């Protein structure tokens, strides 16, 4: 998370405009909130309204939107490398052999875009697969990062 916060600062954001809420599970997800910056982050997605409502445990109904990454928003290699870093923080690990691995679930647009950006970064994709017959669907990418991407991923 410290690496993510440093990245926000390097990108010109004021870290004080963000709230970080850590979940209470064994492997907690950190949710990031920013009233002043959410439009910038949302601009990286194309949203489509679902044709049904989400109902919570108190029977409150909410509109539901699906977000698909907008690849046109990633205009240069640096933005693509930072995207991969964010994906790695959320979905990645380095195995005992030094290979980098990304595991996704129900995220085909992120999986496809990550594969494209890994190629653009001159990284070596060793293996990739998608399981469509399971719920949730799963995707995996195993790769060796290019020297430039490795410097971004390993930056603390």
N, C-alpha and C. Protein backbone atom coordinates (compact mmCIF):
# COMPACT_ATOMS: atom_id res chain seq x y z
N UNK A 1 0.82 -1.19 0.00
CA UNK A 1 0.00 0.00 0.00
C UNK A 1 0.87 1.26 0.00
N UNK A 2 2.01 1.20 0.67
CA UNK A 2 2.91 2.35 0.68
C UNK A 2 3.35 2.70 -0.74
N UNK A 3 3.64 1.67 -1.53
CA UNK A 3 4.05 1.87 -2.91
C UNK A 3 2.94 2.57 -3.70
N UNK A 4 1.70 2.18 -3.46
CA UNK A 4 0.56 2.80 -4.14
C UNK A 4 0.45 4.28 -3.75
N UNK A 5 0.63 4.57 -2.47
CA UNK A 5 0.54 5.95 -2.00
C UNK A 5 1.66 6.80 -2.59
N UNK A 6 2.85 6.23 -2.70
CA UNK A 6 3.97 6.95 -3.33
C UNK A 6 3.64 7.23 -4.79
N UNK A 7 3.03 6.24 -5.46
CA UNK A 7 2.64 6.41 -6.86
C UNK A 7 1.63 7.53 -7.04
N UNK A 8 0.68 7.63 -6.11
CA UNK A 8 -0.29 8.72 -6.17
C UNK A 8 0.42 10.07 -6.07
N UNK A 9 1.35 10.16 -5.12
CA UNK A 9 2.10 11.40 -4.92
C UNK A 9 2.93 11.74 -6.16
N UNK A 10 3.61 10.73 -6.72
CA UNK A 10 4.42 10.95 -7.92
C UNK A 10 3.57 11.41 -9.11
N UNK A 11 2.30 10.98 -9.12
CA UNK A 11 1.40 11.36 -10.21
C UNK A 11 0.79 12.74 -9.98
N UNK A 12 1.15 13.40 -8.87
CA UNK A 12 0.68 14.75 -8.63
C UNK A 12 -0.55 14.86 -7.76
N UNK A 13 -0.99 13.76 -7.16
CA UNK A 13 -2.15 13.80 -6.28
C UNK A 13 -1.73 14.17 -4.87
N UNK A 14 -2.63 14.83 -4.15
CA UNK A 14 -2.43 15.14 -2.73
C UNK A 14 -2.94 13.95 -1.94
N UNK A 15 -2.07 13.24 -1.27
CA UNK A 15 -2.42 12.03 -0.53
C UNK A 15 -3.47 12.30 0.55
N UNK A 16 -3.54 13.54 1.01
CA UNK A 16 -4.53 13.89 2.05
C UNK A 16 -5.95 13.94 1.50
N UNK A 17 -6.10 13.87 0.19
CA UNK A 17 -7.43 13.86 -0.43
C UNK A 17 -7.97 12.44 -0.59
N UNK A 18 -7.28 11.46 -0.02
CA UNK A 18 -7.67 10.06 -0.14
C UNK A 18 -7.91 9.46 1.25
N UNK A 19 -8.90 8.58 1.33
CA UNK A 19 -9.14 7.78 2.53
C UNK A 19 -8.92 6.32 2.15
N UNK A 20 -8.26 5.58 3.03
CA UNK A 20 -7.95 4.18 2.80
C UNK A 20 -8.63 3.36 3.90
N UNK A 21 -9.50 2.44 3.47
CA UNK A 21 -10.25 1.63 4.43
C UNK A 21 -9.86 0.16 4.23
N UNK A 22 -9.25 -0.42 5.26
CA UNK A 22 -8.81 -1.81 5.18
C UNK A 22 -9.90 -2.73 5.69
N UNK A 23 -10.19 -3.78 4.91
CA UNK A 23 -11.20 -4.75 5.31
C UNK A 23 -10.77 -5.53 6.54
N UNK A 24 -11.68 -6.30 7.09
CA UNK A 24 -11.41 -7.01 8.34
C UNK A 24 -11.29 -8.53 8.15
N UNK A 25 -11.11 -8.98 6.93
CA UNK A 25 -10.97 -10.41 6.67
C UNK A 25 -9.52 -10.84 6.80
N UNK A 26 -9.27 -12.14 6.62
CA UNK A 26 -7.90 -12.67 6.73
C UNK A 26 -6.97 -12.05 5.70
N UNK A 27 -7.43 -11.89 4.46
CA UNK A 27 -6.67 -11.23 3.40
C UNK A 27 -7.44 -9.98 2.99
N UNK A 28 -7.34 -8.93 3.78
CA UNK A 28 -8.21 -7.77 3.56
C UNK A 28 -7.91 -7.00 2.28
N UNK A 29 -8.97 -6.53 1.68
CA UNK A 29 -8.88 -5.64 0.52
C UNK A 29 -8.91 -4.21 1.07
N UNK A 30 -8.07 -3.36 0.53
CA UNK A 30 -8.08 -1.96 0.91
C UNK A 30 -8.91 -1.21 -0.11
N UNK A 31 -9.91 -0.49 0.36
CA UNK A 31 -10.75 0.32 -0.50
C UNK A 31 -10.26 1.76 -0.41
N UNK A 32 -10.14 2.39 -1.57
CA UNK A 32 -9.62 3.76 -1.64
C UNK A 32 -10.76 4.68 -2.03
N UNK A 33 -10.93 5.76 -1.26
CA UNK A 33 -11.97 6.75 -1.52
C UNK A 33 -11.34 8.12 -1.75
N UNK A 34 -11.94 8.90 -2.65
CA UNK A 34 -11.52 10.28 -2.83
C UNK A 34 -12.66 11.06 -3.48
N UNK A 35 -13.29 11.93 -2.70
CA UNK A 35 -14.39 12.75 -3.23
C UNK A 35 -13.90 13.70 -4.30
N UNK A 36 -12.65 14.15 -4.18
CA UNK A 36 -12.15 15.15 -5.13
C UNK A 36 -11.50 14.53 -6.37
N UNK A 37 -11.17 13.25 -6.35
CA UNK A 37 -10.45 12.64 -7.47
C UNK A 37 -11.17 11.48 -8.16
N UNK A 38 -12.33 11.09 -7.68
CA UNK A 38 -12.96 9.90 -8.24
C UNK A 38 -13.28 10.02 -9.73
N UNK A 39 -13.59 11.23 -10.20
CA UNK A 39 -13.92 11.41 -11.62
C UNK A 39 -12.71 11.09 -12.52
N UNK A 40 -11.53 11.43 -12.04
CA UNK A 40 -10.32 11.11 -12.81
C UNK A 40 -10.18 9.60 -12.95
N UNK A 41 -10.33 8.87 -11.84
CA UNK A 41 -10.18 7.42 -11.88
C UNK A 41 -11.30 6.77 -12.68
N UNK A 42 -12.52 7.26 -12.52
CA UNK A 42 -13.65 6.71 -13.28
C UNK A 42 -13.51 6.94 -14.77
N UNK A 43 -12.75 7.97 -15.17
CA UNK A 43 -12.59 8.26 -16.60
C UNK A 43 -11.81 7.16 -17.32
N UNK A 44 -11.18 6.26 -16.58
CA UNK A 44 -10.45 5.15 -17.19
C UNK A 44 -11.37 3.97 -17.50
N UNK A 45 -12.67 4.13 -17.24
CA UNK A 45 -13.64 3.06 -17.48
C UNK A 45 -14.77 3.56 -18.36
N UNK A 46 -15.37 2.62 -19.07
CA UNK A 46 -16.63 2.86 -19.77
C UNK A 46 -17.68 2.13 -18.94
N UNK A 47 -18.70 2.84 -18.50
CA UNK A 47 -19.72 2.25 -17.64
C UNK A 47 -21.00 1.97 -18.41
N UNK A 48 -21.62 0.86 -18.08
CA UNK A 48 -22.90 0.48 -18.67
C UNK A 48 -23.84 0.10 -17.53
N UNK A 49 -25.02 0.70 -17.55
CA UNK A 49 -26.01 0.44 -16.50
C UNK A 49 -26.56 -0.97 -16.68
N UNK A 50 -26.63 -1.70 -15.57
CA UNK A 50 -27.20 -3.05 -15.60
C UNK A 50 -28.71 -2.96 -15.78
N UNK A 51 -29.28 -4.02 -16.30
CA UNK A 51 -30.73 -4.01 -16.50
C UNK A 51 -31.48 -4.59 -15.29
N UNK A 52 -30.82 -4.58 -14.14
CA UNK A 52 -31.45 -5.02 -12.91
C UNK A 52 -30.90 -4.18 -11.75
N UNK A 53 -31.54 -4.27 -10.60
CA UNK A 53 -31.12 -3.52 -9.42
C UNK A 53 -30.42 -4.44 -8.44
N UNK A 54 -29.53 -3.88 -7.66
CA UNK A 54 -28.89 -4.62 -6.56
C UNK A 54 -29.73 -4.37 -5.31
N UNK A 55 -30.05 -5.42 -4.58
CA UNK A 55 -30.82 -5.31 -3.35
C UNK A 55 -29.95 -5.78 -2.19
N UNK A 56 -29.80 -4.92 -1.18
CA UNK A 56 -28.97 -5.30 -0.04
C UNK A 56 -29.79 -6.07 0.99
N UNK A 57 -29.15 -6.42 2.11
CA UNK A 57 -29.81 -7.26 3.12
C UNK A 57 -30.98 -6.54 3.81
N UNK A 58 -31.07 -5.22 3.67
CA UNK A 58 -32.18 -4.46 4.25
C UNK A 58 -33.27 -4.15 3.21
N UNK A 59 -33.18 -4.79 2.05
CA UNK A 59 -34.11 -4.60 0.94
C UNK A 59 -34.04 -3.22 0.30
N UNK A 60 -32.93 -2.52 0.49
CA UNK A 60 -32.70 -1.27 -0.24
C UNK A 60 -32.24 -1.63 -1.64
N UNK A 61 -32.77 -0.94 -2.65
CA UNK A 61 -32.40 -1.22 -4.03
C UNK A 61 -31.47 -0.14 -4.56
N UNK A 62 -30.48 -0.56 -5.35
CA UNK A 62 -29.49 0.35 -5.91
C UNK A 62 -29.30 0.04 -7.39
N UNK A 63 -29.07 1.10 -8.17
CA UNK A 63 -28.70 0.89 -9.57
C UNK A 63 -27.31 0.28 -9.59
N UNK A 64 -27.04 -0.51 -10.60
CA UNK A 64 -25.78 -1.24 -10.69
C UNK A 64 -25.16 -0.95 -12.05
N UNK A 65 -23.86 -0.69 -12.07
CA UNK A 65 -23.15 -0.40 -13.32
C UNK A 65 -21.98 -1.35 -13.49
N UNK A 66 -21.72 -1.73 -14.73
CA UNK A 66 -20.55 -2.52 -15.07
C UNK A 66 -19.51 -1.59 -15.65
N UNK A 67 -18.26 -1.73 -15.21
CA UNK A 67 -17.19 -0.90 -15.74
C UNK A 67 -16.21 -1.72 -16.54
N UNK A 68 -15.92 -1.27 -17.74
CA UNK A 68 -14.92 -1.91 -18.60
C UNK A 68 -13.80 -0.92 -18.84
N UNK A 69 -12.57 -1.36 -18.70
CA UNK A 69 -11.43 -0.46 -18.87
C UNK A 69 -11.41 0.16 -20.27
N UNK A 70 -11.08 1.42 -20.33
CA UNK A 70 -11.00 2.17 -21.58
C UNK A 70 -9.52 2.27 -21.98
N UNK A 71 -9.08 1.39 -22.88
CA UNK A 71 -7.66 1.33 -23.23
C UNK A 71 -7.15 2.61 -23.88
N UNK A 72 -8.03 3.41 -24.44
CA UNK A 72 -7.60 4.66 -25.08
C UNK A 72 -7.05 5.66 -24.05
N UNK A 73 -7.38 5.47 -22.78
CA UNK A 73 -6.91 6.38 -21.74
C UNK A 73 -5.43 6.15 -21.37
N UNK A 74 -4.87 5.03 -21.80
CA UNK A 74 -3.47 4.71 -21.49
C UNK A 74 -2.64 5.07 -22.72
N UNK A 75 -2.18 6.32 -22.76
CA UNK A 75 -1.60 6.88 -23.97
C UNK A 75 -0.10 6.67 -24.12
N UNK A 76 0.60 6.39 -23.04
CA UNK A 76 2.05 6.24 -23.15
C UNK A 76 2.51 5.03 -22.33
N UNK A 77 3.76 4.66 -22.54
CA UNK A 77 4.30 3.47 -21.87
C UNK A 77 4.28 3.63 -20.36
N UNK A 78 4.59 4.81 -19.85
CA UNK A 78 4.62 5.02 -18.40
C UNK A 78 3.26 4.75 -17.77
N UNK A 79 2.17 5.20 -18.41
CA UNK A 79 0.84 4.95 -17.86
C UNK A 79 0.51 3.45 -17.90
N UNK A 80 1.00 2.76 -18.92
CA UNK A 80 0.78 1.31 -19.01
C UNK A 80 1.57 0.57 -17.92
N UNK A 81 2.80 1.01 -17.67
CA UNK A 81 3.62 0.39 -16.63
C UNK A 81 2.98 0.60 -15.25
N UNK A 82 2.46 1.79 -15.01
CA UNK A 82 1.81 2.07 -13.73
C UNK A 82 0.53 1.25 -13.58
N UNK A 83 -0.19 1.05 -14.69
CA UNK A 83 -1.37 0.19 -14.66
C UNK A 83 -0.97 -1.23 -14.26
N UNK A 84 0.08 -1.76 -14.88
CA UNK A 84 0.54 -3.11 -14.55
C UNK A 84 0.95 -3.18 -13.08
N UNK A 85 1.60 -2.14 -12.58
CA UNK A 85 1.99 -2.12 -11.17
C UNK A 85 0.75 -2.23 -10.28
N UNK A 86 -0.28 -1.46 -10.58
CA UNK A 86 -1.51 -1.53 -9.80
C UNK A 86 -2.13 -2.92 -9.85
N UNK A 87 -2.13 -3.52 -11.04
CA UNK A 87 -2.64 -4.88 -11.19
C UNK A 87 -1.80 -5.85 -10.35
N UNK A 88 -0.48 -5.65 -10.38
CA UNK A 88 0.40 -6.55 -9.63
C UNK A 88 0.18 -6.41 -8.12
N UNK A 89 0.00 -5.19 -7.64
CA UNK A 89 -0.25 -4.98 -6.21
C UNK A 89 -1.51 -5.73 -5.79
N UNK A 90 -2.52 -5.70 -6.63
CA UNK A 90 -3.82 -6.32 -6.30
C UNK A 90 -3.87 -7.82 -6.59
N UNK A 91 -3.21 -8.27 -7.68
CA UNK A 91 -3.40 -9.65 -8.15
C UNK A 91 -2.12 -10.46 -8.28
N UNK A 92 -0.98 -9.90 -7.90
CA UNK A 92 0.27 -10.54 -8.27
C UNK A 92 1.09 -11.15 -7.15
N UNK A 93 2.04 -11.96 -7.58
CA UNK A 93 3.05 -12.53 -6.69
C UNK A 93 4.24 -12.95 -7.54
N UNK A 94 5.36 -13.16 -6.88
CA UNK A 94 6.56 -13.69 -7.54
C UNK A 94 6.74 -15.09 -6.99
N UNK A 95 6.84 -16.09 -7.89
CA UNK A 95 6.98 -17.46 -7.42
C UNK A 95 8.43 -17.76 -7.04
N UNK A 96 8.68 -18.96 -6.55
CA UNK A 96 10.02 -19.34 -6.08
C UNK A 96 11.07 -19.29 -7.19
N UNK A 97 10.65 -19.45 -8.44
CA UNK A 97 11.57 -19.41 -9.57
C UNK A 97 11.82 -18.02 -10.12
N UNK A 98 11.22 -17.01 -9.50
CA UNK A 98 11.42 -15.64 -9.94
C UNK A 98 10.48 -15.19 -11.04
N UNK A 99 9.52 -16.04 -11.39
CA UNK A 99 8.53 -15.66 -12.39
C UNK A 99 7.40 -14.88 -11.71
N UNK A 100 6.91 -13.88 -12.41
CA UNK A 100 5.83 -13.05 -11.89
C UNK A 100 4.51 -13.65 -12.34
N UNK A 101 3.53 -13.68 -11.44
CA UNK A 101 2.25 -14.31 -11.74
C UNK A 101 1.11 -13.39 -11.34
N UNK A 102 0.13 -13.29 -12.21
CA UNK A 102 -1.08 -12.51 -11.96
C UNK A 102 -2.27 -13.44 -12.04
N UNK A 103 -3.13 -13.42 -11.03
CA UNK A 103 -4.34 -14.23 -11.02
C UNK A 103 -5.55 -13.32 -10.88
N UNK A 104 -6.47 -13.43 -11.83
CA UNK A 104 -7.67 -12.61 -11.87
C UNK A 104 -8.90 -13.50 -11.70
N UNK A 105 -10.01 -12.90 -11.33
CA UNK A 105 -11.29 -13.60 -11.41
C UNK A 105 -12.34 -12.62 -11.90
N UNK A 106 -13.14 -13.07 -12.86
CA UNK A 106 -14.23 -12.26 -13.42
C UNK A 106 -13.77 -10.89 -13.90
N UNK A 107 -12.62 -10.85 -14.55
CA UNK A 107 -12.09 -9.55 -14.98
C UNK A 107 -11.43 -9.67 -16.34
N UNK A 108 -12.20 -10.03 -17.34
CA UNK A 108 -11.64 -10.26 -18.67
C UNK A 108 -11.04 -9.00 -19.29
N UNK A 109 -11.66 -7.83 -19.08
CA UNK A 109 -11.10 -6.63 -19.70
C UNK A 109 -9.74 -6.29 -19.07
N UNK A 110 -9.61 -6.48 -17.75
CA UNK A 110 -8.33 -6.22 -17.09
C UNK A 110 -7.29 -7.24 -17.54
N UNK A 111 -7.69 -8.50 -17.65
CA UNK A 111 -6.80 -9.57 -18.12
C UNK A 111 -6.29 -9.28 -19.54
N UNK A 112 -7.21 -8.95 -20.44
CA UNK A 112 -6.82 -8.68 -21.83
C UNK A 112 -5.92 -7.45 -21.94
N UNK A 113 -6.26 -6.40 -21.22
CA UNK A 113 -5.47 -5.18 -21.27
C UNK A 113 -4.09 -5.39 -20.65
N UNK A 114 -4.03 -6.17 -19.58
CA UNK A 114 -2.74 -6.46 -18.95
C UNK A 114 -1.84 -7.23 -19.90
N UNK A 115 -2.38 -8.23 -20.58
CA UNK A 115 -1.58 -8.98 -21.57
C UNK A 115 -1.04 -8.04 -22.64
N UNK A 116 -1.90 -7.15 -23.15
CA UNK A 116 -1.46 -6.20 -24.18
C UNK A 116 -0.36 -5.29 -23.65
N UNK A 117 -0.54 -4.76 -22.45
CA UNK A 117 0.45 -3.84 -21.89
C UNK A 117 1.76 -4.56 -21.56
N UNK A 118 1.69 -5.83 -21.15
CA UNK A 118 2.92 -6.59 -20.92
C UNK A 118 3.70 -6.73 -22.23
N UNK A 119 3.00 -7.00 -23.32
CA UNK A 119 3.66 -7.07 -24.63
C UNK A 119 4.25 -5.72 -25.01
N UNK A 120 3.49 -4.65 -24.78
CA UNK A 120 3.97 -3.30 -25.09
C UNK A 120 5.23 -2.96 -24.29
N UNK A 121 5.34 -3.52 -23.08
CA UNK A 121 6.49 -3.23 -22.21
C UNK A 121 7.70 -4.10 -22.53
N UNK A 122 7.56 -4.96 -23.53
CA UNK A 122 8.63 -5.88 -23.95
C UNK A 122 8.93 -6.95 -22.89
N UNK A 123 7.94 -7.22 -22.03
CA UNK A 123 8.07 -8.31 -21.07
C UNK A 123 7.83 -9.63 -21.78
N UNK A 124 8.31 -10.71 -21.19
CA UNK A 124 8.15 -12.04 -21.77
C UNK A 124 7.00 -12.76 -21.09
N UNK A 125 5.94 -13.04 -21.84
CA UNK A 125 4.82 -13.79 -21.30
C UNK A 125 5.14 -15.27 -21.46
N UNK A 126 5.23 -15.96 -20.34
CA UNK A 126 5.58 -17.38 -20.33
C UNK A 126 4.34 -18.25 -20.55
N UNK A 127 3.25 -17.85 -19.89
CA UNK A 127 2.02 -18.64 -20.00
C UNK A 127 0.83 -17.74 -19.66
N UNK A 128 -0.30 -18.04 -20.27
CA UNK A 128 -1.53 -17.36 -19.91
C UNK A 128 -2.68 -18.30 -20.19
N UNK A 129 -3.73 -18.18 -19.39
CA UNK A 129 -4.89 -19.05 -19.58
C UNK A 129 -6.12 -18.40 -18.99
N UNK A 130 -7.26 -18.84 -19.46
CA UNK A 130 -8.54 -18.37 -18.97
C UNK A 130 -9.47 -19.56 -18.85
N UNK A 131 -10.08 -19.71 -17.68
CA UNK A 131 -11.04 -20.79 -17.47
C UNK A 131 -12.44 -20.20 -17.52
N UNK A 132 -13.19 -20.57 -18.54
CA UNK A 132 -14.52 -19.99 -18.72
C UNK A 132 -15.63 -20.91 -18.24
N UNK A 133 -15.28 -22.12 -17.83
CA UNK A 133 -16.31 -23.07 -17.43
C UNK A 133 -16.47 -23.14 -15.91
N UNK A 134 -15.89 -22.19 -15.20
CA UNK A 134 -16.03 -22.16 -13.75
C UNK A 134 -16.66 -20.84 -13.32
N UNK A 135 -17.15 -20.82 -12.11
CA UNK A 135 -17.68 -19.59 -11.53
C UNK A 135 -16.96 -19.36 -10.22
N UNK A 136 -16.25 -18.28 -10.03
CA UNK A 136 -16.02 -17.25 -11.04
C UNK A 136 -15.05 -17.75 -12.11
N UNK A 137 -15.05 -17.05 -13.25
CA UNK A 137 -14.05 -17.38 -14.26
C UNK A 137 -12.69 -16.96 -13.72
N UNK A 138 -11.66 -17.66 -14.13
CA UNK A 138 -10.32 -17.34 -13.66
C UNK A 138 -9.38 -17.09 -14.83
N UNK A 139 -8.45 -16.19 -14.61
CA UNK A 139 -7.44 -15.90 -15.62
C UNK A 139 -6.08 -15.84 -14.91
N UNK A 140 -5.04 -16.27 -15.62
CA UNK A 140 -3.69 -16.24 -15.07
C UNK A 140 -2.72 -15.82 -16.16
N UNK A 141 -1.75 -15.01 -15.77
CA UNK A 141 -0.64 -14.63 -16.65
C UNK A 141 0.65 -14.85 -15.86
N UNK A 142 1.58 -15.59 -16.48
CA UNK A 142 2.91 -15.78 -15.89
C UNK A 142 3.89 -15.10 -16.83
N UNK A 143 4.78 -14.26 -16.27
CA UNK A 143 5.65 -13.48 -17.13
C UNK A 143 6.96 -13.15 -16.43
N UNK A 144 7.93 -12.75 -17.24
CA UNK A 144 9.18 -12.19 -16.77
C UNK A 144 9.15 -10.72 -17.20
N UNK A 145 9.21 -9.80 -16.24
CA UNK A 145 9.11 -8.38 -16.62
C UNK A 145 10.36 -7.90 -17.36
N UNK A 146 10.16 -6.97 -18.26
CA UNK A 146 11.28 -6.30 -18.92
C UNK A 146 12.04 -5.53 -17.83
N UNK A 147 13.28 -5.16 -18.10
CA UNK A 147 14.03 -4.38 -17.09
C UNK A 147 13.30 -3.10 -16.68
N UNK A 148 12.65 -2.43 -17.62
CA UNK A 148 11.94 -1.19 -17.30
C UNK A 148 10.73 -1.47 -16.39
N UNK A 149 9.97 -2.53 -16.71
CA UNK A 149 8.82 -2.87 -15.87
C UNK A 149 9.28 -3.38 -14.51
N UNK A 150 10.34 -4.15 -14.48
CA UNK A 150 10.86 -4.68 -13.21
C UNK A 150 11.23 -3.54 -12.27
N UNK A 151 11.82 -2.49 -12.80
CA UNK A 151 12.18 -1.32 -11.98
C UNK A 151 10.93 -0.68 -11.37
N UNK A 152 9.83 -0.65 -12.13
CA UNK A 152 8.57 -0.09 -11.63
C UNK A 152 7.95 -1.02 -10.58
N UNK A 153 7.92 -2.32 -10.86
CA UNK A 153 7.30 -3.28 -9.95
C UNK A 153 8.07 -3.41 -8.64
N UNK A 154 9.37 -3.34 -8.70
CA UNK A 154 10.20 -3.55 -7.51
C UNK A 154 10.43 -2.28 -6.72
N UNK A 155 9.95 -1.13 -7.21
CA UNK A 155 10.12 0.13 -6.50
C UNK A 155 9.28 0.12 -5.24
N UNK A 156 9.88 0.46 -4.14
CA UNK A 156 9.16 0.46 -2.84
C UNK A 156 8.77 1.86 -2.45
